[in-house]
């Protein structure tokens, strides 16, 4: 999501108490989700009708630039302002996933990395209470794009704030995998990791679009 700062974000996203709460709420789980079970829906024959049923603003999905901009826009806003979750859902394939990878901060696993795999609705459920209490604005600093035919990968550097003009509370990378079905672009998966003392952002990911 910046994101989903993310929010934890988009379902984004670490120096402030808010940023830590955002990442931790996404990571807490008694067991690590199975990637196999999380992606099982991609094999179901009912997927194509589900794709057709999703209502979307055509301008949001007309290009890689447009869908990335829409992703950041949907998760950003002041405290208490309802996000357009229908718009966010429409950016993702029904089997799309939002995945946070970050340092555990409690539970005896401090210092180790954990992965939380979420459907879009899982992300919404987790961040909605945070967004009700705190403003969250995630913006893109830089971008690296690779594209071949109908697939694309965007390495998008983000920073998150409580309000426009505030000092950033977090930076990191959104790794966005995209597919085009001949009609539009879809987000297949979004994986993000926040910057940390162990992993500061390299200069090459702080420049260029």
C-alpha atoms as a PDB file:
ATOM      1  CA  UNK A   1       0.000   0.000   0.000  1.00  0.00           C
ATOM      2  CA  UNK A   2       2.306   4.659   1.601  1.00  0.00           C
ATOM      3  CA  UNK A   3       1.073   0.976   2.456  1.00  0.00           C
ATOM      4  CA  UNK A   4      -1.405  -0.649   3.139  1.00  0.00           C
ATOM      5  CA  UNK A   5       1.227   1.844   5.375  1.00  0.00           C
ATOM      6  CA  UNK A   6       0.806   0.805   4.961  1.00  0.00           C
ATOM      7  CA  UNK A   7      -0.454   0.455   6.641  1.00  0.00           C
ATOM      8  CA  UNK A   8      -0.058  -2.119   7.307  1.00  0.00           C
ATOM      9  CA  UNK A   9      -1.475  -1.695   4.455  1.00  0.00           C
ATOM     10  CA  UNK A  10      -2.291  -2.331   1.686  1.00  0.00           C
ATOM     11  CA  UNK A  11      -2.866  -4.070   3.602  1.00  0.00           C
ATOM     12  CA  UNK A  12       1.294  -1.270   4.384  1.00  0.00           C
ATOM     13  CA  UNK A  13       3.907  -1.783   6.674  1.00  0.00           C
ATOM     14  CA  UNK A  14      10.157   1.432  12.152  1.00  0.00           C
ATOM     15  CA  UNK A  15      10.498   3.999  14.337  1.00  0.00           C
ATOM     16  CA  UNK A  16       7.158   5.132  15.735  1.00  0.00           C
ATOM     17  CA  UNK A  17       4.764   3.249  17.992  1.00  0.00           C
ATOM     18  CA  UNK A  18       2.131   3.409  15.255  1.00  0.00           C
ATOM     19  CA  UNK A  19       4.423   1.857  12.651  1.00  0.00           C
ATOM     20  CA  UNK A  20       5.382  -0.939  15.053  1.00  0.00           C
ATOM     21  CA  UNK A  21       1.727  -1.628  15.849  1.00  0.00           C
ATOM     22  CA  UNK A  22       0.923  -1.734  12.151  1.00  0.00           C
ATOM     23  CA  UNK A  23       3.578  -4.305  11.317  1.00  0.00           C
ATOM     24  CA  UNK A  24       2.944  -6.375  14.448  1.00  0.00           C
ATOM     25  CA  UNK A  25      -0.806  -6.613  13.843  1.00  0.00           C
ATOM     26  CA  UNK A  26      -0.067  -8.047  10.420  1.00  0.00           C
ATOM     27  CA  UNK A  27       2.484 -10.548  11.721  1.00  0.00           C
ATOM     28  CA  UNK A  28       0.621 -11.947  14.755  1.00  0.00           C
ATOM     29  CA  UNK A  29      -0.483 -15.495  14.120  1.00  0.00           C
ATOM     30  CA  UNK A  30      -0.267 -18.693  16.086  1.00  0.00           C
ATOM     31  CA  UNK A  31       0.958 -20.564  13.028  1.00  0.00           C
ATOM     32  CA  UNK A  32       2.654 -19.392   9.851  1.00  0.00           C
ATOM     33  CA  UNK A  33       0.185 -19.569   6.945  1.00  0.00           C
ATOM     34  CA  UNK A  34       0.787 -22.152   4.279  1.00  0.00           C
ATOM     35  CA  UNK A  35       1.535 -20.660   0.883  1.00  0.00           C
ATOM     36  CA  UNK A  36      -0.024 -23.740  -0.679  1.00  0.00           C
ATOM     37  CA  UNK A  37      -3.335 -23.228   1.131  1.00  0.00           C
ATOM     38  CA  UNK A  38      -3.255 -19.474   0.513  1.00  0.00           C
ATOM     39  CA  UNK A  39      -2.950 -19.890  -3.250  1.00  0.00           C
ATOM     40  CA  UNK A  40      -5.285 -22.861  -3.649  1.00  0.00           C
ATOM     41  CA  UNK A  41      -8.052 -20.625  -5.026  1.00  0.00           C
ATOM     42  CA  UNK A  42      -5.998 -19.980  -8.168  1.00  0.00           C
ATOM     43  CA  UNK A  43      -6.851 -23.477  -9.448  1.00  0.00           C
ATOM     44  CA  UNK A  44     -10.612 -23.181  -9.034  1.00  0.00           C
ATOM     45  CA  UNK A  45     -12.723 -23.080 -12.231  1.00  0.00           C
ATOM     46  CA  UNK A  46     -15.053 -20.461 -10.711  1.00  0.00           C
ATOM     47  CA  UNK A  47     -12.259 -17.882 -10.774  1.00  0.00           C
ATOM     48  CA  UNK A  48     -13.036 -16.453 -14.220  1.00  0.00           C
ATOM     49  CA  UNK A  49     -16.631 -15.447 -13.347  1.00  0.00           C
ATOM     50  CA  UNK A  50     -15.274 -13.877 -10.171  1.00  0.00           C
ATOM     51  CA  UNK A  51     -12.880 -11.801 -12.251  1.00  0.00           C
ATOM     52  CA  UNK A  52     -15.691 -10.607 -14.477  1.00  0.00           C
ATOM     53  CA  UNK A  53     -17.869  -9.684 -11.483  1.00  0.00           C
ATOM     54  CA  UNK A  54     -15.381  -7.227 -10.019  1.00  0.00           C
ATOM     55  CA  UNK A  55     -16.404  -3.641 -10.770  1.00  0.00           C
ATOM     56  CA  UNK A  56     -13.463  -1.367 -11.408  1.00  0.00           C
ATOM     57  CA  UNK A  57     -12.634   2.100 -12.604  1.00  0.00           C
ATOM     58  CA  UNK A  58     -11.066   1.354 -15.979  1.00  0.00           C
ATOM     59  CA  UNK A  59      -8.600   4.215 -15.560  1.00  0.00           C
ATOM     60  CA  UNK A  60      -7.174   2.516 -12.429  1.00  0.00           C
ATOM     61  CA  UNK A  61      -6.112  -0.590 -14.346  1.00  0.00           C
ATOM     62  CA  UNK A  62      -5.202   0.736 -17.784  1.00  0.00           C
ATOM     63  CA  UNK A  63      -1.443   0.706 -17.147  1.00  0.00           C
ATOM     64  CA  UNK A  64       1.190  -0.325 -14.628  1.00  0.00           C
ATOM     65  CA  UNK A  65       1.580   3.313 -13.571  1.00  0.00           C
ATOM     66  CA  UNK A  66      -2.164   3.695 -13.038  1.00  0.00           C
ATOM     67  CA  UNK A  67      -2.692   0.585 -10.934  1.00  0.00           C
ATOM     68  CA  UNK A  68       0.280   1.335  -8.672  1.00  0.00           C
ATOM     69  CA  UNK A  69      -0.990   4.896  -8.158  1.00  0.00           C
ATOM     70  CA  UNK A  70      -4.472   3.559  -7.340  1.00  0.00           C
ATOM     71  CA  UNK A  71      -3.012   1.117  -4.819  1.00  0.00           C
ATOM     72  CA  UNK A  72      -1.295   3.883  -2.865  1.00  0.00           C
ATOM     73  CA  UNK A  73      -4.336   6.134  -3.089  1.00  0.00           C
ATOM     74  CA  UNK A  74      -6.786   3.587  -1.699  1.00  0.00           C
ATOM     75  CA  UNK A  75      -4.891   2.981   1.535  1.00  0.00           C
ATOM     76  CA  UNK A  76      -4.100   6.624   2.305  1.00  0.00           C
ATOM     77  CA  UNK A  77      -6.280   9.056   4.230  1.00  0.00           C
ATOM     78  CA  UNK A  78      -6.849  10.934   7.491  1.00  0.00           C
ATOM     79  CA  UNK A  79      -7.941   9.268  10.710  1.00  0.00           C
ATOM     80  CA  UNK A  80     -11.534   8.130  10.609  1.00  0.00           C
ATOM     81  CA  UNK A  81     -12.057   8.558   6.887  1.00  0.00           C
ATOM     82  CA  UNK A  82     -13.504   5.407   5.346  1.00  0.00           C
ATOM     83  CA  UNK A  83     -11.302   3.969   2.619  1.00  0.00           C
ATOM     84  CA  UNK A  84     -12.780   2.831  -0.684  1.00  0.00           C
ATOM     85  CA  UNK A  85     -12.277  -0.861  -0.009  1.00  0.00           C
ATOM     86  CA  UNK A  86     -14.292  -1.873  -3.077  1.00  0.00           C
ATOM     87  CA  UNK A  87     -11.764   0.012  -5.182  1.00  0.00           C
ATOM     88  CA  UNK A  88      -8.884  -1.782  -3.470  1.00  0.00           C
ATOM     89  CA  UNK A  89     -10.491  -5.202  -3.986  1.00  0.00           C
ATOM     90  CA  UNK A  90     -11.015  -4.446  -7.674  1.00  0.00           C
ATOM     91  CA  UNK A  91      -7.282  -3.902  -8.195  1.00  0.00           C
ATOM     92  CA  UNK A  92      -6.491  -7.477  -7.126  1.00  0.00           C
ATOM     93  CA  UNK A  93      -7.351 -10.788  -8.710  1.00  0.00           C
ATOM     94  CA  UNK A  94      -9.726 -12.738  -6.445  1.00  0.00           C
ATOM     95  CA  UNK A  95      -6.857 -15.091  -5.620  1.00  0.00           C
ATOM     96  CA  UNK A  96      -4.466 -12.172  -5.073  1.00  0.00           C
ATOM     97  CA  UNK A  97      -2.542 -11.900  -1.823  1.00  0.00           C
ATOM     98  CA  UNK A  98      -1.082  -9.168   0.369  1.00  0.00           C
ATOM     99  CA  UNK A  99       1.993 -10.403   2.225  1.00  0.00           C
ATOM    100  CA  UNK A 100       3.949  -8.655   4.967  1.00  0.00           C
ATOM    101  CA  UNK A 101       7.441  -9.927   5.765  1.00  0.00           C
ATOM    102  CA  UNK A 102       9.093  -8.408   8.788  1.00  0.00           C
ATOM    103  CA  UNK A 103      10.787  -8.746  12.145  1.00  0.00           C
ATOM    104  CA  UNK A 104       8.814 -10.333  14.956  1.00  0.00           C
ATOM    105  CA  UNK A 105       8.634  -8.125  18.034  1.00  0.00           C
ATOM    106  CA  UNK A 106       7.146 -10.488  20.606  1.00  0.00           C
ATOM    107  CA  UNK A 107       6.158 -14.083  21.289  1.00  0.00           C
ATOM    108  CA  UNK A 108       9.694 -15.325  21.876  1.00  0.00           C
ATOM    109  CA  UNK A 109      10.672 -14.844  18.235  1.00  0.00           C
ATOM    110  CA  UNK A 110      12.092 -11.332  18.510  1.00  0.00           C
ATOM    111  CA  UNK A 111      14.694 -10.669  15.845  1.00  0.00           C
ATOM    112  CA  UNK A 112      13.484 -13.403  13.497  1.00  0.00           C
ATOM    113  CA  UNK A 113      11.553 -12.754  10.308  1.00  0.00           C
ATOM    114  CA  UNK A 114       7.938 -13.807   9.936  1.00  0.00           C
ATOM    115  CA  UNK A 115       5.620 -13.837   6.954  1.00  0.00           C
ATOM    116  CA  UNK A 116       1.917 -13.095   7.100  1.00  0.00           C
ATOM    117  CA  UNK A 117      -0.090 -14.042   3.992  1.00  0.00           C
ATOM    118  CA  UNK A 118      -3.445 -12.296   3.679  1.00  0.00           C
ATOM    119  CA  UNK A 119      -6.334 -12.147   1.271  1.00  0.00           C
ATOM    120  CA  UNK A 120      -7.375  -8.563   0.591  1.00  0.00           C
ATOM    121  CA  UNK A 121     -10.300  -8.847   3.009  1.00  0.00           C
ATOM    122  CA  UNK A 122      -7.923 -10.109   5.728  1.00  0.00           C
ATOM    123  CA  UNK A 123      -5.816  -6.989   5.224  1.00  0.00           C
ATOM    124  CA  UNK A 124      -8.882  -4.743   5.388  1.00  0.00           C
ATOM    125  CA  UNK A 125     -10.035  -6.378   8.625  1.00  0.00           C
ATOM    126  CA  UNK A 126      -6.645  -5.792  10.233  1.00  0.00           C
ATOM    127  CA  UNK A 127      -6.028  -2.179   9.176  1.00  0.00           C
ATOM    128  CA  UNK A 128      -9.527  -0.710   9.420  1.00  0.00           C
ATOM    129  CA  UNK A 129      -9.339  -0.212  13.240  1.00  0.00           C
ATOM    130  CA  UNK A 130      -5.909   1.425  12.906  1.00  0.00           C
ATOM    131  CA  UNK A 131      -7.089   3.759  10.158  1.00  0.00           C
ATOM    132  CA  UNK A 132     -10.085   4.728  12.300  1.00  0.00           C
ATOM    133  CA  UNK A 133      -7.688   5.994  15.000  1.00  0.00           C
ATOM    134  CA  UNK A 134      -4.664   7.238  13.047  1.00  0.00           C
ATOM    135  CA  UNK A 135      -4.087   9.065   9.804  1.00  0.00           C
ATOM    136  CA  UNK A 136      -2.066   7.062   7.325  1.00  0.00           C
ATOM    137  CA  UNK A 137      -0.575   8.317   4.079  1.00  0.00           C
ATOM    138  CA  UNK A 138       1.753   6.175   2.011  1.00  0.00           C
ATOM    139  CA  UNK A 139       3.578   7.622  -0.983  1.00  0.00           C
ATOM    140  CA  UNK A 140       6.038   6.298  -3.519  1.00  0.00           C
ATOM    141  CA  UNK A 141       9.637   7.531  -3.413  1.00  0.00           C
ATOM    142  CA  UNK A 142      11.126   5.553  -6.280  1.00  0.00           C
ATOM    143  CA  UNK A 143      10.359   2.645  -8.548  1.00  0.00           C
ATOM    144  CA  UNK A 144      12.125  -0.142 -10.434  1.00  0.00           C
ATOM    145  CA  UNK A 145      10.020  -1.900 -13.099  1.00  0.00           C
ATOM    146  CA  UNK A 146      10.600  -5.079 -15.066  1.00  0.00           C
ATOM    147  CA  UNK A 147       8.051  -6.143 -17.698  1.00  0.00           C
ATOM    148  CA  UNK A 148       7.811  -8.989 -20.162  1.00  0.00           C
ATOM    149  CA  UNK A 149       4.685  -9.314 -22.265  1.00  0.00           C
ATOM    150  CA  UNK A 150       1.691  -9.539 -19.958  1.00  0.00           C
ATOM    151  CA  UNK A 151       3.594  -9.798 -16.654  1.00  0.00           C
ATOM    152  CA  UNK A 152       5.320  -7.073 -14.678  1.00  0.00           C
ATOM    153  CA  UNK A 153       7.185  -6.670 -11.413  1.00  0.00           C
ATOM    154  CA  UNK A 154       7.347  -3.326  -9.623  1.00  0.00           C
ATOM    155  CA  UNK A 155       9.829  -2.726  -6.808  1.00  0.00           C
ATOM    156  CA  UNK A 156       8.258   0.375  -5.256  1.00  0.00           C
ATOM    157  CA  UNK A 157      10.003   2.268  -2.459  1.00  0.00           C
ATOM    158  CA  UNK A 158       7.474   3.768  -0.052  1.00  0.00           C
ATOM    159  CA  UNK A 159       7.352   6.078   2.923  1.00  0.00           C
ATOM    160  CA  UNK A 160       4.486   6.425   5.390  1.00  0.00           C
ATOM    161  CA  UNK A 161       3.224   9.431   7.367  1.00  0.00           C
ATOM    162  CA  UNK A 162       0.416  10.243   9.754  1.00  0.00           C
ATOM    163  CA  UNK A 163      -0.454  13.309   7.665  1.00  0.00           C
ATOM    164  CA  UNK A 164       0.799  14.980   4.469  1.00  0.00           C
ATOM    165  CA  UNK A 165       3.857  17.073   5.271  1.00  0.00           C
ATOM    166  CA  UNK A 166       4.671  15.170   8.471  1.00  0.00           C
ATOM    167  CA  UNK A 167       8.002  13.497   9.028  1.00  0.00           C
ATOM    168  CA  UNK A 168       7.910   9.911   7.654  1.00  0.00           C
ATOM    169  CA  UNK A 169       7.375   7.247  10.286  1.00  0.00           C
ATOM    170  CA  UNK A 170       8.460   4.385   8.078  1.00  0.00           C
ATOM    171  CA  UNK A 171      10.050   3.501   4.754  1.00  0.00           C
ATOM    172  CA  UNK A 172      10.309   0.204   2.926  1.00  0.00           C
ATOM    173  CA  UNK A 173       9.753  -1.722  -0.282  1.00  0.00           C
ATOM    174  CA  UNK A 174       6.483  -2.839  -1.855  1.00  0.00           C
ATOM    175  CA  UNK A 175       7.180  -5.711  -4.242  1.00  0.00           C
ATOM    176  CA  UNK A 176       4.184  -5.816  -6.600  1.00  0.00           C
ATOM    177  CA  UNK A 177       3.546  -8.642  -9.077  1.00  0.00           C
ATOM    178  CA  UNK A 178       1.147  -7.777 -11.916  1.00  0.00           C
ATOM    179  CA  UNK A 179      -0.554  -9.677 -14.722  1.00  0.00           C
ATOM    180  CA  UNK A 180      -2.540  -8.505 -17.739  1.00  0.00           C
ATOM    181  CA  UNK A 181      -5.410 -10.628 -19.082  1.00  0.00           C
ATOM    182  CA  UNK A 182      -5.621  -8.745 -22.365  1.00  0.00           C
ATOM    183  CA  UNK A 183      -8.244  -6.384 -20.973  1.00  0.00           C
ATOM    184  CA  UNK A 184      -6.616  -4.825 -17.930  1.00  0.00           C
ATOM    185  CA  UNK A 185      -3.850  -5.068 -15.328  1.00  0.00           C
ATOM    186  CA  UNK A 186      -4.365  -6.989 -12.084  1.00  0.00           C
ATOM    187  CA  UNK A 187      -2.295  -7.142  -8.914  1.00  0.00           C
ATOM    188  CA  UNK A 188      -1.513 -10.799  -8.344  1.00  0.00           C
ATOM    189  CA  UNK A 189       0.463 -10.266  -5.163  1.00  0.00           C
ATOM    190  CA  UNK A 190       1.937  -7.540  -3.020  1.00  0.00           C
ATOM    191  CA  UNK A 191       4.826  -8.315  -0.662  1.00  0.00           C
ATOM    192  CA  UNK A 192       6.251  -5.605   1.568  1.00  0.00           C
ATOM    193  CA  UNK A 193       9.038  -5.197   4.087  1.00  0.00           C
ATOM    194  CA  UNK A 194       9.827  -2.151   6.208  1.00  0.00           C
ATOM    195  CA  UNK A 195      13.274  -0.644   6.421  1.00  0.00           C
ATOM    196  CA  UNK A 196      15.168  -1.546   9.596  1.00  0.00           C
ATOM    197  CA  UNK A 197      18.552  -1.021  11.198  1.00  0.00           C
ATOM    198  CA  UNK A 198      19.575  -4.432   9.868  1.00  0.00           C
ATOM    199  CA  UNK A 199      18.298  -3.626   6.387  1.00  0.00           C
ATOM    200  CA  UNK A 200      18.521   0.069   5.489  1.00  0.00           C
ATOM    201  CA  UNK A 201      17.282   0.972   2.015  1.00  0.00           C
ATOM    202  CA  UNK A 202      20.094   0.883  -0.568  1.00  0.00           C
ATOM    203  CA  UNK A 203      20.637   4.069  -2.531  1.00  0.00           C
ATOM    204  CA  UNK A 204      19.637   2.342  -5.773  1.00  0.00           C
ATOM    205  CA  UNK A 205      16.096   1.950  -4.418  1.00  0.00           C
ATOM    206  CA  UNK A 206      15.805   5.625  -3.490  1.00  0.00           C
ATOM    207  CA  UNK A 207      16.062   7.013  -6.984  1.00  0.00           C
ATOM    208  CA  UNK A 208      14.501   6.516 -10.374  1.00  0.00           C
ATOM    209  CA  UNK A 209      11.028   5.900 -11.754  1.00  0.00           C
END
